[in-house]
């Protein structure tokens, strides 16, 4: 049964420059993942699994084409009925209104008031996880704090300098939050996942106060700053998490899906992951093909060899081609006797016969969308 217990604000408007060229013409949210998913599928699925029927999404201007193409009417996430709905707003409109001295949070406040929801969840797409928001809400209600922030214990090498870490006190509350620094001592830290649950009425009051006092127009930064001012509970997430902030972390997150334990932890928990449905023919494997520890989406034709690789929809791998430790996005055409190792091929890439594309595990080589590769490419 649907309720109006929670509404959601979804969006991370940060520019992930270290993911270029993969984010050249798309937001991080619509980056392909594990052959057939997009990163935005995971927060949208968590929202759908929590029976939340109203979402306010914030994106950067000029980055919504792939979002609309993927979400469409929102059928897969139950957003297409009369009772369910989603709204899209541009972050640059917040900035323009702030520059003009106008009340820049009014559109969010109007949404929150009309949602008639008691609680609001704020989340983004760069923290790849499958979180049970109903469990977070239950904890929030039990703790009786103004805010609940979600964190996970992560290794030093899995945290970027743009991330924030939380100091959790003995009572399980977020005592403080600060940007991660290389000089931090220790091997594990409480990574802030940018997921918050707050009382909607309180959030409306704070946004009204915030815009009068010239606070940041980023709601994520706005709430992060509130941790130091308000009583905030800390909720520890213990499931699979990948912090995607650069090409290497994006590559590693995809490769994680070839580990059955990590794949099952993310995809086959008690909560289902939804994505855009496409009815296509199964992948064809020729008699000469050789496939080892790899995944192929529908509509592919595999005549060559695959090892530890992910092949997206409608890709063609011709006879004699060898692909190892690589991500091949949709509609790729890999000709005869091509060798690809430690690489990420964006959508619609064609690799001509005999070409070698060789990266490294630490620095996989990226081939941009729509490229025709006719000469060898190496990264040492």
Protein backbone atom coordinates (compact mmCIF):
# COMPACT_ATOMS: atom_id res chain seq x y z
CA UNK A 1 0.00 0.00 0.00
CA UNK A 2 1.32 3.44 -0.92
CA UNK A 3 1.66 6.01 1.82
CA UNK A 4 2.71 9.61 2.05
CA UNK A 5 5.09 8.82 4.87
CA UNK A 6 8.16 9.86 2.84
CA UNK A 7 8.97 11.91 -0.23
CA UNK A 8 12.40 12.06 -1.86
CA UNK A 9 14.87 14.58 -3.22
CA UNK A 10 17.30 12.95 -5.65
CA UNK A 11 20.29 14.55 -7.27
CA UNK A 12 23.96 15.13 -6.97
CA UNK A 13 24.93 18.22 -8.94
CA UNK A 14 28.67 17.89 -8.35
CA UNK A 15 30.82 17.86 -11.47
CA UNK A 16 32.82 14.65 -11.45
CA UNK A 17 35.73 15.88 -13.58
CA UNK A 18 37.82 12.81 -12.78
CA UNK A 19 35.21 10.70 -14.60
CA UNK A 20 35.80 12.52 -17.89
CA UNK A 21 35.42 11.70 -20.74
CA UNK A 22 32.68 9.32 -19.52
CA UNK A 23 30.67 12.26 -18.11
CA UNK A 24 31.33 14.56 -21.08
CA UNK A 25 27.73 14.48 -22.34
CA UNK A 26 25.86 12.81 -19.51
CA UNK A 27 25.51 13.20 -15.73
CA UNK A 28 27.06 10.62 -13.44
CA UNK A 29 23.51 9.41 -12.77
CA UNK A 30 23.10 7.88 -16.23
CA UNK A 31 26.50 6.22 -16.51
CA UNK A 32 25.94 2.61 -17.66
CA UNK A 33 26.66 -0.06 -15.06
CA UNK A 34 26.95 -3.85 -15.22
CA UNK A 35 25.85 -4.23 -18.87
CA UNK A 36 22.22 -3.06 -18.59
CA UNK A 37 21.81 -0.72 -15.61
CA UNK A 38 22.41 3.01 -15.05
CA UNK A 39 23.71 4.36 -11.75
CA UNK A 40 20.45 6.22 -11.16
CA UNK A 41 18.62 2.86 -11.13
CA UNK A 42 19.96 2.16 -7.63
CA UNK A 43 18.66 5.20 -5.70
CA UNK A 44 15.43 5.07 -7.75
CA UNK A 45 14.99 1.39 -6.83
CA UNK A 46 15.64 2.10 -3.14
CA UNK A 47 13.02 4.87 -3.33
CA UNK A 48 10.52 2.58 -5.11
CA UNK A 49 11.15 -0.26 -2.64
CA UNK A 50 10.37 2.13 0.22
CA UNK A 51 6.95 2.86 -1.35
CA UNK A 52 7.87 6.51 -1.90
CA UNK A 53 5.61 7.86 -4.64
CA UNK A 54 6.89 11.42 -5.10
CA UNK A 55 10.42 12.47 -6.17
CA UNK A 56 11.98 15.89 -6.75
CA UNK A 57 15.09 15.47 -8.93
CA UNK A 58 17.79 18.11 -9.35
CA UNK A 59 20.24 18.02 -12.26
CA UNK A 60 22.62 20.40 -13.98
CA UNK A 61 21.23 22.29 -16.97
CA UNK A 62 22.09 20.49 -20.22
CA UNK A 63 22.46 17.06 -18.60
CA UNK A 64 18.87 15.86 -18.59
CA UNK A 65 18.54 14.39 -22.09
CA UNK A 66 19.94 11.00 -21.06
CA UNK A 67 17.93 11.13 -17.83
CA UNK A 68 14.61 11.53 -19.65
CA UNK A 69 15.65 8.94 -22.23
CA UNK A 70 16.29 6.42 -19.47
CA UNK A 71 13.44 7.18 -17.06
CA UNK A 72 10.79 7.96 -19.66
CA UNK A 73 7.41 7.82 -17.96
CA UNK A 74 8.93 6.13 -14.91
CA UNK A 75 6.94 2.89 -15.32
CA UNK A 76 9.74 0.62 -14.02
CA UNK A 77 9.87 2.58 -10.73
CA UNK A 78 6.07 2.93 -10.34
CA UNK A 79 6.19 6.63 -11.18
CA UNK A 80 3.65 6.53 -14.03
CA UNK A 81 0.38 6.22 -12.10
CA UNK A 82 -1.98 9.04 -11.18
CA UNK A 83 -0.90 8.88 -7.54
CA UNK A 84 2.84 8.79 -8.27
CA UNK A 85 4.91 11.53 -9.81
CA UNK A 86 8.36 13.01 -10.27
CA UNK A 87 9.61 16.52 -10.92
CA UNK A 88 12.86 17.68 -12.51
CA UNK A 89 14.53 20.97 -11.61
CA UNK A 90 17.78 22.59 -12.77
CA UNK A 91 20.43 23.45 -10.19
CA UNK A 92 21.43 26.49 -12.25
CA UNK A 93 17.98 27.99 -11.56
CA UNK A 94 18.80 27.91 -7.84
CA UNK A 95 22.07 29.73 -8.61
CA UNK A 96 20.42 32.36 -10.83
CA UNK A 97 17.72 33.13 -8.28
CA UNK A 98 20.33 33.39 -5.53
CA UNK A 99 22.38 35.85 -7.62
CA UNK A 100 19.26 37.95 -8.17
CA UNK A 101 18.49 38.00 -4.46
CA UNK A 102 15.35 35.90 -4.92
CA UNK A 103 14.17 33.11 -2.55
CA UNK A 104 15.99 30.28 -4.35
CA UNK A 105 14.60 27.36 -2.30
CA UNK A 106 10.94 28.26 -2.99
CA UNK A 107 10.49 25.56 -5.66
CA UNK A 108 11.72 22.85 -3.25
CA UNK A 109 9.63 24.26 -0.41
CA UNK A 110 6.54 24.29 -2.65
CA UNK A 111 7.19 20.65 -3.59
CA UNK A 112 7.66 19.60 0.04
CA UNK A 113 4.48 21.37 1.16
CA UNK A 114 2.40 19.76 -1.60
CA UNK A 115 3.89 16.32 -0.97
CA UNK A 116 2.11 16.15 2.41
CA UNK A 117 4.87 13.78 3.54
CA UNK A 118 5.94 13.54 7.15
CA UNK A 119 9.55 12.69 6.25
CA UNK A 120 11.92 13.54 3.41
CA UNK A 121 14.86 11.45 2.19
CA UNK A 122 17.73 13.06 0.31
CA UNK A 123 20.04 10.88 -1.77
CA UNK A 124 22.32 10.84 -4.83
CA UNK A 125 23.75 8.40 -7.39
CA UNK A 126 27.51 8.33 -6.76
CA UNK A 127 27.29 6.04 -3.73
CA UNK A 128 26.38 2.77 -5.44
CA UNK A 129 24.37 0.68 -2.97
CA UNK A 130 21.07 -1.07 -2.36
CA UNK A 131 19.84 0.52 0.85
CA UNK A 132 16.59 -0.20 2.69
CA UNK A 133 15.23 3.31 3.32
CA UNK A 134 12.40 1.91 5.45
CA UNK A 135 15.00 0.60 7.91
CA UNK A 136 16.68 4.02 7.97
CA UNK A 137 13.30 5.67 8.59
CA UNK A 138 12.55 3.23 11.43
CA UNK A 139 15.90 4.07 13.04
CA UNK A 140 15.26 7.79 12.55
CA UNK A 141 11.89 7.58 14.29
CA UNK A 142 13.36 5.59 17.17
CA UNK A 143 16.27 7.99 17.65
CA UNK A 144 13.95 11.04 17.64
CA UNK A 145 16.64 13.35 16.18
CA UNK A 146 16.16 16.20 13.73
CA UNK A 147 18.26 14.40 11.11
CA UNK A 148 19.65 10.96 10.38
CA UNK A 149 22.73 10.66 8.16
CA UNK A 150 23.88 7.36 6.64
CA UNK A 151 27.54 6.31 6.68
CA UNK A 152 29.69 3.25 5.99
CA UNK A 153 33.11 2.21 7.27
CA UNK A 154 35.43 2.39 4.25
CA UNK A 155 39.11 1.88 3.60
CA UNK A 156 41.34 4.91 3.03
CA UNK A 157 41.90 4.08 -0.64
CA UNK A 158 38.14 4.03 -1.28
CA UNK A 159 37.63 7.64 -0.18
CA UNK A 160 38.35 10.72 -2.31
CA UNK A 161 39.39 14.18 -1.18
CA UNK A 162 35.91 15.46 -2.16
CA UNK A 163 34.22 13.09 0.30
CA UNK A 164 33.25 13.87 3.87
CA UNK A 165 33.83 11.68 6.90
CA UNK A 166 31.73 11.60 10.05
CA UNK A 167 32.83 11.43 13.67
CA UNK A 168 30.34 9.09 15.38
CA UNK A 169 30.22 9.33 19.18
CA UNK A 170 29.61 6.52 21.69
CA UNK A 171 25.85 7.17 21.59
CA UNK A 172 25.70 6.55 17.84
CA UNK A 173 25.21 10.18 16.89
CA UNK A 174 27.07 12.22 14.28
CA UNK A 175 29.21 14.52 16.42
CA UNK A 176 30.92 16.30 13.51
CA UNK A 177 31.67 16.06 9.80
CA UNK A 178 34.67 17.23 7.81
CA UNK A 179 36.29 16.83 4.39
CA UNK A 180 38.62 13.85 4.11
CA UNK A 181 42.30 14.75 4.09
CA UNK A 182 45.30 12.69 3.04
CA UNK A 183 46.90 13.53 6.37
CA UNK A 184 44.10 11.75 8.30
CA UNK A 185 45.50 9.01 10.53
CA UNK A 186 43.94 5.56 10.33
CA UNK A 187 43.02 2.97 7.72
CA UNK A 188 39.21 3.06 7.94
CA UNK A 189 36.84 6.01 8.15
CA UNK A 190 33.10 6.70 8.46
CA UNK A 191 32.31 7.78 4.91
CA UNK A 192 29.27 10.09 4.66
CA UNK A 193 27.03 8.53 1.97
CA UNK A 194 25.06 11.74 1.37
CA UNK A 195 21.82 10.04 2.38
CA UNK A 196 19.68 11.89 4.92
CA UNK A 197 16.22 11.48 6.43
CA UNK A 198 14.64 14.52 8.06
CA UNK A 199 11.21 15.69 9.20
CA UNK A 200 9.68 17.51 6.23
CA UNK A 201 8.20 20.27 8.38
CA UNK A 202 11.64 20.93 9.92
CA UNK A 203 13.31 20.93 6.48
CA UNK A 204 10.85 23.51 5.15
CA UNK A 205 11.57 25.76 8.13
CA UNK A 206 15.34 25.39 7.71
CA UNK A 207 15.25 26.06 3.94
CA UNK A 208 13.25 29.23 4.55
CA UNK A 209 15.81 30.37 7.11
CA UNK A 210 18.71 29.27 4.92
CA UNK A 211 17.73 31.27 1.86
CA UNK A 212 17.27 34.38 4.00
CA UNK A 213 20.81 33.92 5.34
CA UNK A 214 22.48 33.28 1.97
CA UNK A 215 23.30 29.60 2.63
CA UNK A 216 24.51 27.23 -0.09
CA UNK A 217 21.90 26.49 -2.80
CA UNK A 218 23.11 22.87 -2.81
CA UNK A 219 20.72 20.95 -0.54
CA UNK A 220 23.39 18.30 0.04
CA UNK A 221 25.85 20.92 1.32
CA UNK A 222 23.05 22.64 3.21
CA UNK A 223 22.22 19.47 5.18
CA UNK A 224 25.87 18.52 5.61
CA UNK A 225 26.47 21.87 7.31
CA UNK A 226 23.46 21.24 9.56
CA UNK A 227 25.17 18.22 11.15
CA UNK A 228 27.32 20.55 13.23
CA UNK A 229 24.29 22.57 14.33
CA UNK A 230 21.51 20.01 14.86
CA UNK A 231 21.07 16.81 16.80
CA UNK A 232 21.85 14.14 14.17
CA UNK A 233 21.65 10.36 14.42
CA UNK A 234 24.16 8.25 12.46
CA UNK A 235 22.93 5.11 10.67
CA UNK A 236 25.61 2.58 9.70
CA UNK A 237 25.06 0.88 6.34
CA UNK A 238 26.75 -2.53 6.15
CA UNK A 239 25.84 -3.74 2.64
CA UNK A 240 27.81 -3.46 -0.62
CA UNK A 241 28.95 0.08 -1.41
CA UNK A 242 31.10 1.50 -4.16
CA UNK A 243 32.07 5.15 -3.94
CA UNK A 244 32.24 6.21 -7.60
CA UNK A 245 34.28 9.38 -8.01
CA UNK A 246 36.80 8.74 -10.82
CA UNK A 247 37.43 6.41 -13.77
CA UNK A 248 39.30 3.86 -11.66
CA UNK A 249 36.56 3.60 -9.01
CA UNK A 250 33.92 3.32 -11.77
CA UNK A 251 35.94 0.56 -13.45
CA UNK A 252 36.44 -1.28 -10.16
CA UNK A 253 32.72 -1.09 -9.29
CA UNK A 254 31.86 -2.75 -12.60
CA UNK A 255 34.53 -5.41 -12.16
CA UNK A 256 33.09 -6.11 -8.69
CA UNK A 257 30.01 -7.50 -10.45
CA UNK A 258 32.13 -10.42 -11.70
CA UNK A 259 32.62 -11.44 -8.06
CA UNK A 260 29.55 -13.52 -7.22
CA UNK A 261 29.51 -12.46 -3.56
CA UNK A 262 29.57 -8.74 -4.40
CA UNK A 263 27.12 -9.20 -7.29
CA UNK A 264 24.61 -11.02 -5.10
CA UNK A 265 25.06 -8.53 -2.27
CA UNK A 266 24.15 -5.60 -4.55
CA UNK A 267 21.66 -7.18 -6.94
CA UNK A 268 19.98 -9.94 -4.98
CA UNK A 269 19.36 -8.60 -1.51
CA UNK A 270 15.74 -8.55 -0.30
CA UNK A 271 15.25 -5.45 -2.47
CA UNK A 272 14.96 -5.68 -6.26
CA UNK A 273 16.88 -3.35 -8.60
CA UNK A 274 14.72 -1.95 -11.40
CA UNK A 275 15.92 -0.62 -14.75
CA UNK A 276 14.51 0.35 -18.13
CA UNK A 277 13.06 -2.71 -19.80
CA UNK A 278 14.06 -3.65 -23.34
CA UNK A 279 12.66 -6.72 -25.01
CA UNK A 280 15.47 -8.03 -27.20
CA UNK A 281 16.71 -11.31 -28.55
CA UNK A 282 19.16 -13.32 -26.40
CA UNK A 283 22.87 -13.07 -27.03
CA UNK A 284 24.24 -15.41 -29.71
CA UNK A 285 27.44 -17.34 -28.94
CA UNK A 286 29.12 -18.99 -31.95
CA UNK A 287 30.76 -22.40 -31.74
CA UNK A 288 34.20 -20.75 -31.74
CA UNK A 289 33.45 -18.29 -28.96
CA UNK A 290 35.13 -18.69 -25.57
CA UNK A 291 33.64 -16.93 -22.56
CA UNK A 292 35.14 -17.00 -19.06
CA UNK A 293 33.78 -15.15 -16.01
CA UNK A 294 32.01 -12.49 -18.10
CA UNK A 295 28.54 -11.04 -18.49
CA UNK A 296 26.77 -10.18 -21.73
CA UNK A 297 23.50 -8.27 -22.02
CA UNK A 298 20.84 -9.14 -24.59
CA UNK A 299 21.20 -8.73 -28.33
CA UNK A 300 24.98 -9.36 -28.54
CA UNK A 301 26.79 -11.53 -31.08
CA UNK A 302 29.88 -13.17 -29.58
CA UNK A 303 32.28 -14.96 -31.92
CA UNK A 304 35.59 -14.12 -30.14
CA UNK A 305 36.95 -14.65 -26.62
CA UNK A 306 35.87 -12.89 -23.42
CA UNK A 307 37.54 -13.08 -20.02
CA UNK A 308 36.57 -11.06 -16.92
CA UNK A 309 34.61 -8.58 -19.04
CA UNK A 310 31.20 -6.92 -19.21
CA UNK A 311 29.54 -6.57 -22.63
CA UNK A 312 26.48 -4.34 -23.00
CA UNK A 313 23.46 -4.67 -25.26
CA UNK A 314 23.73 -5.20 -29.03
CA UNK A 315 27.53 -5.40 -29.13
CA UNK A 316 29.33 -7.51 -31.72
CA UNK A 317 32.63 -9.29 -31.03
CA UNK A 318 33.95 -10.85 -34.21
CA UNK A 319 35.95 -14.05 -34.65
CA UNK A 320 39.51 -13.91 -33.28
CA UNK A 321 38.90 -10.85 -31.08
CA UNK A 322 40.11 -11.14 -27.46
CA UNK A 323 38.65 -8.98 -24.70
CA UNK A 324 39.98 -9.23 -21.14
CA UNK A 325 39.26 -7.23 -17.96
CA UNK A 326 37.22 -4.65 -19.89
CA UNK A 327 33.88 -2.87 -20.05
CA UNK A 328 32.22 -2.63 -23.46
CA UNK A 329 29.13 -0.44 -23.58
CA UNK A 330 26.21 -0.87 -25.96
CA UNK A 331 26.34 -1.08 -29.76
CA UNK A 332 30.09 -1.69 -29.94
CA UNK A 333 31.54 -3.32 -33.04
CA UNK A 334 34.76 -5.21 -32.34
CA UNK A 335 36.31 -6.50 -35.56
CA UNK A 336 38.42 -9.63 -36.19
CA UNK A 337 41.67 -10.18 -34.23
CA UNK A 338 41.27 -7.11 -31.99
CA UNK A 339 42.92 -7.31 -28.54
CA UNK A 340 41.39 -5.26 -25.71
CA UNK A 341 42.65 -5.37 -22.12
CA UNK A 342 41.85 -3.14 -19.13
CA UNK A 343 39.71 -0.74 -21.16
CA UNK A 344 36.36 1.01 -21.06
CA UNK A 345 34.67 1.42 -24.45
CA UNK A 346 31.81 3.94 -24.32
CA UNK A 347 28.66 3.52 -26.46
CA UNK A 348 28.77 3.05 -30.23
CA UNK A 349 32.54 2.45 -30.47
CA UNK A 350 33.94 0.64 -33.50
CA UNK A 351 37.36 -1.04 -33.30
CA UNK A 352 38.87 -1.98 -36.64
CA UNK A 353 40.51 -5.35 -37.35
CA UNK A 354 43.84 -6.12 -35.68
CA UNK A 355 43.88 -3.07 -33.38
CA UNK A 356 45.20 -3.39 -29.81
CA UNK A 357 43.79 -1.32 -26.93
CA UNK A 358 45.77 -1.97 -23.75
CA UNK A 359 45.35 -0.20 -20.40
CA UNK A 360 46.37 -1.15 -16.87
CA UNK A 361 44.34 -2.28 -13.81
CA UNK A 362 45.14 1.03 -12.07
CA UNK A 363 44.53 3.19 -15.14
CA UNK A 364 42.11 1.58 -17.60
CA UNK A 365 42.12 3.27 -20.99
CA UNK A 366 38.84 4.98 -21.99
CA UNK A 367 37.56 5.16 -25.58
CA UNK A 368 35.03 7.93 -26.00
CA UNK A 369 31.51 7.51 -27.34
CA UNK A 370 31.02 7.11 -31.13
CA UNK A 371 34.78 6.74 -31.84
CA UNK A 372 36.24 4.60 -34.61
CA UNK A 373 39.56 3.18 -33.42
CA UNK A 374 41.89 2.32 -36.27
CA UNK A 375 45.31 2.46 -34.54
CA UNK A 376 46.74 0.83 -31.42
CA UNK A 377 46.26 2.57 -28.07
CA UNK A 378 48.48 1.79 -25.08
CA UNK A 379 48.67 3.07 -21.55
CA UNK A 380 51.74 2.16 -19.52
